[in-house]
Protein backbone atom coordinates (compact mmCIF):
# COMPACT_ATOMS: atom_id res chain seq x y z
CA UNK A 1 0.00 0.00 0.00
CA UNK A 2 1.33 3.42 -0.90
CA UNK A 3 1.79 6.20 1.64
CA UNK A 4 -1.07 8.64 2.04
CA UNK A 5 -0.30 12.31 2.40
CA UNK A 6 -2.92 14.51 4.04
CA UNK A 7 -2.94 18.26 3.55
CA UNK A 8 -4.84 20.63 5.79
CA UNK A 9 -5.15 24.29 4.87
CA UNK A 10 -5.92 26.92 7.47
CA UNK A 11 -7.37 30.00 5.79
CA UNK A 12 -5.52 33.20 6.65
CA UNK A 13 -8.54 34.56 8.54
CA UNK A 14 -8.38 31.61 10.99
CA UNK A 15 -4.64 31.17 11.56
CA UNK A 16 -4.51 33.21 14.77
CA UNK A 17 -7.62 31.53 16.16
CA UNK A 18 -6.27 28.06 15.34
CA UNK A 19 -2.76 28.66 16.70
CA UNK A 20 -4.21 30.28 19.85
CA UNK A 21 -6.35 27.17 20.42
CA UNK A 22 -3.43 24.79 19.80
CA UNK A 23 -1.16 26.86 22.06
CA UNK A 24 -3.78 27.04 24.80
CA UNK A 25 -4.33 23.27 24.78
CA UNK A 26 -0.67 22.27 24.41
CA UNK A 27 0.82 21.26 27.75
CA UNK A 28 -2.58 20.44 29.25
CA UNK A 29 -3.78 16.92 29.91
CA UNK A 30 -6.18 15.90 27.16
CA UNK A 31 -8.81 13.24 27.88
CA UNK A 32 -9.96 11.63 24.65
CA UNK A 33 -13.09 9.47 24.88
CA UNK A 34 -15.01 7.58 22.24
CA UNK A 35 -18.24 5.61 22.52
CA UNK A 36 -20.22 3.94 19.76
CA UNK A 37 -23.43 2.38 21.11
CA UNK A 38 -24.02 0.48 17.86
CA UNK A 39 -20.76 -1.47 18.14
CA UNK A 40 -20.37 -1.15 21.93
CA UNK A 41 -16.95 0.39 21.34
CA UNK A 42 -15.74 2.35 24.37
CA UNK A 43 -12.31 3.89 24.70
CA UNK A 44 -10.45 6.47 26.77
CA UNK A 45 -6.97 7.85 26.26
CA UNK A 46 -5.13 10.52 28.24
CA UNK A 47 -2.21 12.37 26.72
CA UNK A 48 -0.39 15.68 26.54
CA UNK A 49 0.91 17.58 23.53
CA UNK A 50 4.11 19.43 24.39
CA UNK A 51 3.90 23.22 24.16
CA UNK A 52 5.42 25.10 21.24
CA UNK A 53 8.94 26.19 21.95
CA UNK A 54 10.18 29.59 20.79
CA UNK A 55 12.31 28.14 18.00
CA UNK A 56 9.51 26.03 16.51
CA UNK A 57 7.86 27.66 13.49
CA UNK A 58 4.07 27.99 13.68
CA UNK A 59 3.62 25.66 10.69
CA UNK A 60 5.75 22.95 12.31
CA UNK A 61 3.89 23.38 15.60
CA UNK A 62 0.51 23.02 13.88
CA UNK A 63 1.66 19.92 12.00
CA UNK A 64 3.08 18.37 15.18
CA UNK A 65 -0.08 19.18 17.13
CA UNK A 66 -2.34 17.49 14.57
CA UNK A 67 0.05 14.55 14.16
CA UNK A 68 0.12 13.95 17.94
CA UNK A 69 -3.67 14.25 18.11
CA UNK A 70 -4.02 11.68 15.33
CA UNK A 71 -1.49 9.42 17.04
CA UNK A 72 -3.53 9.62 20.26
CA UNK A 73 -6.66 8.48 18.40
CA UNK A 74 -4.76 5.52 16.92
CA UNK A 75 -3.29 4.62 20.32
CA UNK A 76 -6.73 4.89 21.95
CA UNK A 77 -8.24 2.56 19.34
CA UNK A 78 -5.40 0.04 19.54
CA UNK A 79 -5.42 -0.01 23.35
CA UNK A 80 -9.20 -0.47 23.46
CA UNK A 81 -8.95 -3.39 21.06
CA UNK A 82 -6.25 -4.97 23.22
CA UNK A 83 -8.31 -4.42 26.37
CA UNK A 84 -11.21 -6.20 24.69
CA UNK A 85 -8.93 -9.11 23.77
CA UNK A 86 -7.72 -9.25 27.38
CA UNK A 87 -11.23 -9.20 28.85
CA UNK A 88 -12.30 -11.96 26.49
CA UNK A 89 -9.30 -14.11 27.44
CA UNK A 90 -9.80 -13.52 31.17
CA UNK A 91 -13.49 -14.38 30.94
CA UNK A 92 -12.54 -17.95 29.94
CA UNK A 93 -10.58 -18.52 33.18
CA UNK A 94 -12.62 -19.99 36.04
CA UNK A 95 -13.09 -17.52 38.89
CA UNK A 96 -10.94 -17.96 41.97
CA UNK A 97 -12.70 -19.82 44.76
CA UNK A 98 -12.09 -20.71 48.37
CA UNK A 99 -13.15 -24.23 49.30
CA UNK A 100 -11.81 -24.68 52.82
CA UNK A 101 -14.64 -26.11 54.96
CA UNK A 102 -15.54 -24.37 58.20
CA UNK A 103 -14.78 -27.53 60.20
CA UNK A 104 -11.23 -27.97 58.91
CA UNK A 105 -10.00 -26.93 62.37
CA UNK A 106 -11.93 -28.20 65.37
C-alpha atoms as a PDB file:
ATOM      1  CA  UNK A   1       0.000   0.000   0.000  1.00  0.00           C
ATOM      2  CA  UNK A   2       1.335   3.419  -0.896  1.00  0.00           C
ATOM      3  CA  UNK A   3       1.794   6.197   1.639  1.00  0.00           C
ATOM      4  CA  UNK A   4      -1.067   8.637   2.043  1.00  0.00           C
ATOM      5  CA  UNK A   5      -0.301  12.307   2.397  1.00  0.00           C
ATOM      6  CA  UNK A   6      -2.921  14.512   4.036  1.00  0.00           C
ATOM      7  CA  UNK A   7      -2.937  18.257   3.554  1.00  0.00           C
ATOM      8  CA  UNK A   8      -4.843  20.633   5.795  1.00  0.00           C
ATOM      9  CA  UNK A   9      -5.147  24.292   4.866  1.00  0.00           C
ATOM     10  CA  UNK A  10      -5.921  26.923   7.473  1.00  0.00           C
ATOM     11  CA  UNK A  11      -7.369  30.005   5.786  1.00  0.00           C
ATOM     12  CA  UNK A  12      -5.519  33.204   6.650  1.00  0.00           C
ATOM     13  CA  UNK A  13      -8.535  34.558   8.542  1.00  0.00           C
ATOM     14  CA  UNK A  14      -8.381  31.609  10.992  1.00  0.00           C
ATOM     15  CA  UNK A  15      -4.637  31.170  11.557  1.00  0.00           C
ATOM     16  CA  UNK A  16      -4.511  33.211  14.769  1.00  0.00           C
ATOM     17  CA  UNK A  17      -7.624  31.534  16.156  1.00  0.00           C
ATOM     18  CA  UNK A  18      -6.269  28.058  15.338  1.00  0.00           C
ATOM     19  CA  UNK A  19      -2.763  28.663  16.704  1.00  0.00           C
ATOM     20  CA  UNK A  20      -4.213  30.276  19.853  1.00  0.00           C
ATOM     21  CA  UNK A  21      -6.353  27.174  20.419  1.00  0.00           C
ATOM     22  CA  UNK A  22      -3.425  24.793  19.801  1.00  0.00           C
ATOM     23  CA  UNK A  23      -1.156  26.860  22.061  1.00  0.00           C
ATOM     24  CA  UNK A  24      -3.779  27.037  24.802  1.00  0.00           C
ATOM     25  CA  UNK A  25      -4.332  23.272  24.784  1.00  0.00           C
ATOM     26  CA  UNK A  26      -0.669  22.270  24.415  1.00  0.00           C
ATOM     27  CA  UNK A  27       0.820  21.257  27.746  1.00  0.00           C
ATOM     28  CA  UNK A  28      -2.577  20.435  29.247  1.00  0.00           C
ATOM     29  CA  UNK A  29      -3.782  16.916  29.915  1.00  0.00           C
ATOM     30  CA  UNK A  30      -6.182  15.901  27.165  1.00  0.00           C
ATOM     31  CA  UNK A  31      -8.811  13.242  27.878  1.00  0.00           C
ATOM     32  CA  UNK A  32      -9.963  11.628  24.650  1.00  0.00           C
ATOM     33  CA  UNK A  33     -13.091   9.469  24.883  1.00  0.00           C
ATOM     34  CA  UNK A  34     -15.013   7.576  22.235  1.00  0.00           C
ATOM     35  CA  UNK A  35     -18.244   5.612  22.518  1.00  0.00           C
ATOM     36  CA  UNK A  36     -20.220   3.944  19.761  1.00  0.00           C
ATOM     37  CA  UNK A  37     -23.433   2.384  21.108  1.00  0.00           C
ATOM     38  CA  UNK A  38     -24.020   0.478  17.856  1.00  0.00           C
ATOM     39  CA  UNK A  39     -20.761  -1.468  18.143  1.00  0.00           C
ATOM     40  CA  UNK A  40     -20.367  -1.148  21.930  1.00  0.00           C
ATOM     41  CA  UNK A  41     -16.954   0.390  21.342  1.00  0.00           C
ATOM     42  CA  UNK A  42     -15.740   2.351  24.369  1.00  0.00           C
ATOM     43  CA  UNK A  43     -12.314   3.888  24.703  1.00  0.00           C
ATOM     44  CA  UNK A  44     -10.453   6.467  26.768  1.00  0.00           C
ATOM     45  CA  UNK A  45      -6.969   7.855  26.258  1.00  0.00           C
ATOM     46  CA  UNK A  46      -5.127  10.522  28.243  1.00  0.00           C
ATOM     47  CA  UNK A  47      -2.211  12.371  26.724  1.00  0.00           C
ATOM     48  CA  UNK A  48      -0.394  15.681  26.538  1.00  0.00           C
ATOM     49  CA  UNK A  49       0.909  17.583  23.535  1.00  0.00           C
ATOM     50  CA  UNK A  50       4.113  19.430  24.387  1.00  0.00           C
ATOM     51  CA  UNK A  51       3.898  23.220  24.160  1.00  0.00           C
ATOM     52  CA  UNK A  52       5.416  25.095  21.240  1.00  0.00           C
ATOM     53  CA  UNK A  53       8.940  26.195  21.945  1.00  0.00           C
ATOM     54  CA  UNK A  54      10.175  29.590  20.795  1.00  0.00           C
ATOM     55  CA  UNK A  55      12.315  28.143  17.998  1.00  0.00           C
ATOM     56  CA  UNK A  56       9.509  26.034  16.514  1.00  0.00           C
ATOM     57  CA  UNK A  57       7.861  27.656  13.488  1.00  0.00           C
ATOM     58  CA  UNK A  58       4.066  27.990  13.677  1.00  0.00           C
ATOM     59  CA  UNK A  59       3.616  25.657  10.691  1.00  0.00           C
ATOM     60  CA  UNK A  60       5.753  22.955  12.314  1.00  0.00           C
ATOM     61  CA  UNK A  61       3.893  23.376  15.604  1.00  0.00           C
ATOM     62  CA  UNK A  62       0.509  23.019  13.879  1.00  0.00           C
ATOM     63  CA  UNK A  63       1.661  19.921  12.001  1.00  0.00           C
ATOM     64  CA  UNK A  64       3.078  18.372  15.178  1.00  0.00           C
ATOM     65  CA  UNK A  65      -0.085  19.177  17.127  1.00  0.00           C
ATOM     66  CA  UNK A  66      -2.343  17.486  14.575  1.00  0.00           C
ATOM     67  CA  UNK A  67       0.052  14.552  14.157  1.00  0.00           C
ATOM     68  CA  UNK A  68       0.119  13.949  17.937  1.00  0.00           C
ATOM     69  CA  UNK A  69      -3.672  14.253  18.107  1.00  0.00           C
ATOM     70  CA  UNK A  70      -4.019  11.683  15.326  1.00  0.00           C
ATOM     71  CA  UNK A  71      -1.490   9.418  17.036  1.00  0.00           C
ATOM     72  CA  UNK A  72      -3.532   9.619  20.259  1.00  0.00           C
ATOM     73  CA  UNK A  73      -6.656   8.478  18.403  1.00  0.00           C
ATOM     74  CA  UNK A  74      -4.763   5.520  16.924  1.00  0.00           C
ATOM     75  CA  UNK A  75      -3.291   4.616  20.323  1.00  0.00           C
ATOM     76  CA  UNK A  76      -6.727   4.891  21.951  1.00  0.00           C
ATOM     77  CA  UNK A  77      -8.239   2.557  19.343  1.00  0.00           C
ATOM     78  CA  UNK A  78      -5.395   0.044  19.544  1.00  0.00           C
ATOM     79  CA  UNK A  79      -5.420  -0.012  23.348  1.00  0.00           C
ATOM     80  CA  UNK A  80      -9.205  -0.468  23.465  1.00  0.00           C
ATOM     81  CA  UNK A  81      -8.954  -3.389  21.056  1.00  0.00           C
ATOM     82  CA  UNK A  82      -6.248  -4.971  23.219  1.00  0.00           C
ATOM     83  CA  UNK A  83      -8.310  -4.417  26.374  1.00  0.00           C
ATOM     84  CA  UNK A  84     -11.215  -6.196  24.690  1.00  0.00           C
ATOM     85  CA  UNK A  85      -8.930  -9.111  23.766  1.00  0.00           C
ATOM     86  CA  UNK A  86      -7.720  -9.254  27.376  1.00  0.00           C
ATOM     87  CA  UNK A  87     -11.231  -9.201  28.854  1.00  0.00           C
ATOM     88  CA  UNK A  88     -12.299 -11.964  26.485  1.00  0.00           C
ATOM     89  CA  UNK A  89      -9.295 -14.114  27.442  1.00  0.00           C
ATOM     90  CA  UNK A  90      -9.797 -13.521  31.173  1.00  0.00           C
ATOM     91  CA  UNK A  91     -13.487 -14.383  30.938  1.00  0.00           C
ATOM     92  CA  UNK A  92     -12.536 -17.950  29.945  1.00  0.00           C
ATOM     93  CA  UNK A  93     -10.579 -18.524  33.179  1.00  0.00           C
ATOM     94  CA  UNK A  94     -12.620 -19.987  36.040  1.00  0.00           C
ATOM     95  CA  UNK A  95     -13.091 -17.522  38.894  1.00  0.00           C
ATOM     96  CA  UNK A  96     -10.941 -17.962  41.973  1.00  0.00           C
ATOM     97  CA  UNK A  97     -12.702 -19.818  44.763  1.00  0.00           C
ATOM     98  CA  UNK A  98     -12.094 -20.713  48.371  1.00  0.00           C
ATOM     99  CA  UNK A  99     -13.145 -24.225  49.302  1.00  0.00           C
ATOM    100  CA  UNK A 100     -11.814 -24.681  52.824  1.00  0.00           C
ATOM    101  CA  UNK A 101     -14.635 -26.106  54.959  1.00  0.00           C
ATOM    102  CA  UNK A 102     -15.539 -24.369  58.205  1.00  0.00           C
ATOM    103  CA  UNK A 103     -14.779 -27.529  60.200  1.00  0.00           C
ATOM    104  CA  UNK A 104     -11.226 -27.974  58.906  1.00  0.00           C
ATOM    105  CA  UNK A 105     -10.004 -26.932  62.371  1.00  0.00           C
ATOM    106  CA  UNK A 106     -11.930 -28.201  65.370  1.00  0.00           C
END
